[in-house]
Structure formats: structure tokens, C-alpha cells
Amino acid sequence: MRKSDKALRKELTEMLPRLRRFAYSLTGSRADADDLMQSTVERVLDRGAPADADLGKWSFRVAKNIWIDEIRSRRVRSSAVSEGRLEIEDRIDGERIVFGTIAFSEVNRAMATLPDDQRAALSLVAVEGLSYAEAAETLEVPIGTIMSRIARARAALAEIFAAHAPDLTTKTGARA
């Protein structure tokens, strides 16, 4: 049995900010995040959700699956371009021009270096506040996989930020 259209729309509207954050964490681009969020909402409204499903988890799962499909299709298009079968006009990506604060930009760049599976797991737990079990259910993987992905993601981020942090071990003006 599916949720009623009215209840589904109300619940989906309330969770749009969370869904957009998750979409942005997957894509790393505002434009792609908006497109992914729109596709997710359309699919959920079109196909509905099981009456007993947590709409948040359900929507995150739908978004993740749509993004995986998009990545696959981009790879196919990319290989078609490299083989000379398609032509793509150059375009300016206004998204990249001064977005947010320096700290946010640094975190965003660091997150973008993570593999998709690590970024999705970390985003669900650290940004959306899901438990490891909820993230595992959402991404349809064992909880141990979530724990491993988050541990690797955190280690990679720590390494990135440690490499760019000022050296706090040297004291200026200290006597030798």
C-alpha cells in the first residue's frame, strides 16, 4: 500500500532541505544537486513510497540510485566524446565562481576527493545525522561497510587538512 498523495507531498516538502543537502554532497555541484533533487522528487511523487517506509531514507535511496545512473550515463557520453562520436560546446560553469566561505569551499573540495561511496556514507551520518544503521539501510549495505567507509573518509579528510594546516609545532620567537 502506498502513502496518500497529500501526505506524501506534505512530508516530501518538509524534507526538501535535507534532500538538497544530500544531493549536493553526492554531486558536489549546485546545478547537479538541484537536478538530482528534482529528479528524486519527481520519481517519488510519480511512483510513491511504501506506506511503512521512512520517506527520508526512501528519498535518499532514490537519490543515490538516480545519481549512480547519472554517473554511468556520463561515463558513456564521455567515452563517446573521446571517440569523436559527439561534440560538446564549451560552457562557463558559474557554479565554480566564488561560492560560500573559504572554510566551506575547503571542506567541499576535500569531500569531492572522496570516492562516491565514502562521500555518501559520511554525508548521511555527519550531515544528515542518520545513525550508522540508518545509513546502512538507506544505502543498502551492511553496517560494517558504513563504518569502514566513514573511517576511511574521515582518515582521508584528516590527511588532506593536516597537509594544508599551518605547522603548529614550531614556535615563533622561541629561544633555541
Protein backbone atom coordinates (compact mmCIF):
# COMPACT_ATOMS: atom_id res chain seq x y z
CA MET A 1 0.00 0.00 0.00
CA ARG A 2 1.25 3.48 -0.89
CA LYS A 3 1.08 6.67 1.12
CA SER A 4 -1.67 9.08 0.11
CA ASP A 5 -0.63 11.77 -2.37
CA LYS A 6 -1.45 14.56 0.06
CA ALA A 7 0.56 13.03 2.92
CA LEU A 8 3.42 12.20 0.57
CA ARG A 9 3.59 15.75 -0.80
CA LYS A 10 3.50 17.30 2.67
CA GLU A 11 6.21 15.04 4.06
CA LEU A 12 8.35 15.44 0.95
CA THR A 13 8.05 19.24 1.07
CA GLU A 14 9.22 19.26 4.69
CA MET A 15 12.31 17.23 3.90
CA LEU A 16 13.42 19.13 0.77
CA PRO A 17 16.29 20.96 2.54
CA ARG A 18 17.71 17.65 3.79
CA LEU A 19 17.30 16.07 0.38
CA ARG A 20 19.05 19.01 -1.28
CA ARG A 21 21.99 18.80 1.15
CA PHE A 22 22.31 15.09 0.44
CA ALA A 23 22.10 15.66 -3.32
CA TYR A 24 24.80 18.33 -3.05
CA SER A 25 27.01 16.03 -1.02
CA LEU A 26 26.74 13.39 -3.75
CA THR A 27 27.25 15.70 -6.71
CA GLY A 28 29.49 18.49 -5.43
CA SER A 29 27.72 20.93 -7.73
CA ARG A 30 24.72 23.14 -7.02
CA ALA A 31 23.33 22.69 -10.52
CA ASP A 32 23.70 18.89 -10.41
CA ALA A 33 22.27 18.83 -6.88
CA ASP A 34 19.22 20.79 -7.99
CA ASP A 35 18.73 18.46 -10.96
CA LEU A 36 19.17 15.38 -8.76
CA MET A 37 16.75 16.72 -6.16
CA GLN A 38 14.16 17.48 -8.85
CA SER A 39 14.53 14.03 -10.40
CA THR A 40 14.22 12.43 -6.97
CA VAL A 41 11.08 14.36 -6.08
CA GLU A 42 9.54 13.60 -9.46
CA ARG A 43 10.26 9.90 -9.10
CA VAL A 44 8.93 9.71 -5.54
CA LEU A 45 5.79 11.62 -6.49
CA ASP A 46 5.31 9.53 -9.63
CA ARG A 47 5.96 6.12 -8.09
CA GLY A 48 5.09 6.88 -4.49
CA ALA A 49 6.59 5.30 -1.42
CA PRO A 50 5.53 2.29 0.61
CA ALA A 51 3.15 3.27 3.42
CA ASP A 52 5.51 1.87 6.06
CA ALA A 53 8.67 3.45 4.60
CA ASP A 54 10.56 6.31 6.23
CA LEU A 55 10.28 8.90 3.46
CA GLY A 56 13.67 10.41 4.32
CA LYS A 57 15.53 7.14 3.93
CA TRP A 58 13.43 6.22 0.92
CA SER A 59 14.17 9.54 -0.81
CA PHE A 60 17.90 9.32 -0.03
CA ARG A 61 17.97 5.85 -1.55
CA VAL A 62 16.12 7.03 -4.65
CA ALA A 63 18.54 9.98 -4.99
CA LYS A 64 21.56 7.71 -4.61
CA ASN A 65 20.25 5.34 -7.30
CA ILE A 66 19.45 8.18 -9.70
CA TRP A 67 22.95 9.62 -9.18
CA ILE A 68 24.56 6.25 -9.86
CA ASP A 69 22.60 6.04 -13.11
CA GLU A 70 23.70 9.59 -13.99
CA ILE A 71 27.36 8.79 -13.35
CA ARG A 72 27.11 5.73 -15.58
CA SER A 73 25.46 7.68 -18.38
CA ARG A 74 28.09 10.44 -18.11
CA ARG A 75 30.82 7.84 -18.48
CA VAL A 76 29.16 6.51 -21.62
CA ARG A 77 28.77 10.04 -23.03
CA SER A 78 32.35 10.87 -22.07
CA SER A 79 33.71 7.85 -23.90
CA ALA A 80 31.55 8.73 -26.91
CA VAL A 81 33.06 12.22 -26.94
CA SER A 82 36.61 10.92 -26.65
CA GLU A 83 35.95 8.62 -29.59
CA GLY A 84 34.73 11.60 -31.63
CA ARG A 85 31.12 10.49 -31.82
CA LEU A 86 29.74 13.54 -30.00
CA GLU A 87 30.66 17.20 -29.80
CA ILE A 88 30.16 19.27 -26.69
CA GLU A 89 30.32 23.05 -26.79
CA ASP A 90 32.45 24.75 -24.16
CA ARG A 91 30.48 26.45 -21.45
CA ILE A 92 31.30 28.51 -18.41
CA ASP A 93 30.37 26.93 -15.12
CA GLY A 94 29.24 29.85 -12.98
CA GLU A 95 28.94 27.42 -10.09
CA ARG A 96 32.68 27.45 -9.58
CA ILE A 97 32.90 31.24 -9.23
CA VAL A 98 33.12 32.30 -5.59
CA PHE A 99 30.76 30.04 -3.69
CA GLY A 100 30.41 30.29 0.02
CA THR A 101 33.06 30.91 2.59
CA ILE A 102 36.65 29.76 2.41
CA ALA A 103 36.14 27.11 5.07
CA PHE A 104 33.09 25.70 3.31
CA SER A 105 34.92 25.69 0.00
CA GLU A 106 37.85 23.83 1.52
CA VAL A 107 35.59 21.19 3.05
CA ASN A 108 33.68 20.90 -0.18
CA ARG A 109 36.87 20.41 -2.17
CA ALA A 110 38.11 17.84 0.30
CA MET A 111 34.78 15.98 0.21
CA ALA A 112 34.88 15.95 -3.58
CA THR A 113 38.12 14.00 -3.48
CA LEU A 114 36.44 11.14 -1.62
CA PRO A 115 35.07 8.19 -3.56
CA ASP A 116 31.29 8.37 -4.05
CA ASP A 117 30.54 5.57 -1.59
CA GLN A 118 32.57 7.21 1.19
CA ARG A 119 31.09 10.65 0.50
CA ALA A 120 27.52 9.32 0.59
CA ALA A 121 28.07 7.41 3.84
CA LEU A 122 29.79 10.35 5.55
CA SER A 123 27.13 12.79 4.36
CA LEU A 124 24.28 10.69 5.69
CA VAL A 125 25.90 10.29 9.11
CA ALA A 126 27.75 13.59 9.59
CA VAL A 127 25.47 15.99 7.70
CA GLU A 128 22.04 14.38 7.92
CA GLY A 129 22.52 12.89 11.38
CA LEU A 130 21.49 9.36 10.49
CA SER A 131 22.76 6.53 12.66
CA TYR A 132 25.15 4.02 11.13
CA ALA A 133 22.28 1.52 10.97
CA GLU A 134 20.00 4.01 9.21
CA ALA A 135 22.74 4.94 6.73
CA ALA A 136 23.40 1.24 6.07
CA GLU A 137 19.70 0.69 5.43
CA THR A 138 19.49 3.76 3.18
CA LEU A 139 22.50 2.77 1.09
CA GLU A 140 21.56 -0.91 1.20
CA VAL A 141 24.90 -2.11 2.56
CA PRO A 142 25.93 -3.84 5.80
CA ILE A 143 26.56 -1.63 8.83
CA GLY A 144 30.20 -2.72 8.88
CA THR A 145 30.59 -1.36 5.36
CA ILE A 146 29.22 2.01 6.52
CA MET A 147 31.61 2.04 9.47
CA SER A 148 34.54 1.21 7.20
CA ARG A 149 33.60 3.82 4.60
CA ILE A 150 33.21 6.53 7.22
CA ALA A 151 36.50 5.62 8.88
CA ARG A 152 38.32 5.77 5.53
CA ALA A 153 36.59 9.04 4.61
CA ARG A 154 37.49 10.65 7.93
CA ALA A 155 41.10 9.47 7.65
CA ALA A 156 41.35 10.85 4.11
CA LEU A 157 39.88 14.20 5.17
CA ALA A 158 42.19 14.39 8.19
CA GLU A 159 45.16 13.76 5.92
CA ILE A 160 44.04 16.44 3.47
CA PHE A 161 43.56 19.04 6.18
CA ALA A 162 46.74 18.09 8.01
CA ALA A 163 48.71 18.64 4.82
CA HIS A 164 47.30 22.16 4.48
CA ALA A 165 47.31 23.18 8.16
CA PRO A 166 49.93 25.58 9.45
CA ASP A 167 52.76 23.95 11.32
CA LEU A 168 51.79 24.47 14.94
CA THR A 169 54.79 22.59 16.29
CA THR A 170 57.23 25.42 15.61
CA LYS A 171 57.03 28.41 17.93
CA THR A 172 57.89 31.78 16.57
CA GLY A 173 60.16 33.75 18.78
CA ALA A 174 61.11 30.73 20.91
CA ARG A 175 64.67 30.51 22.16
CA ALA A 176 66.84 27.71 20.89
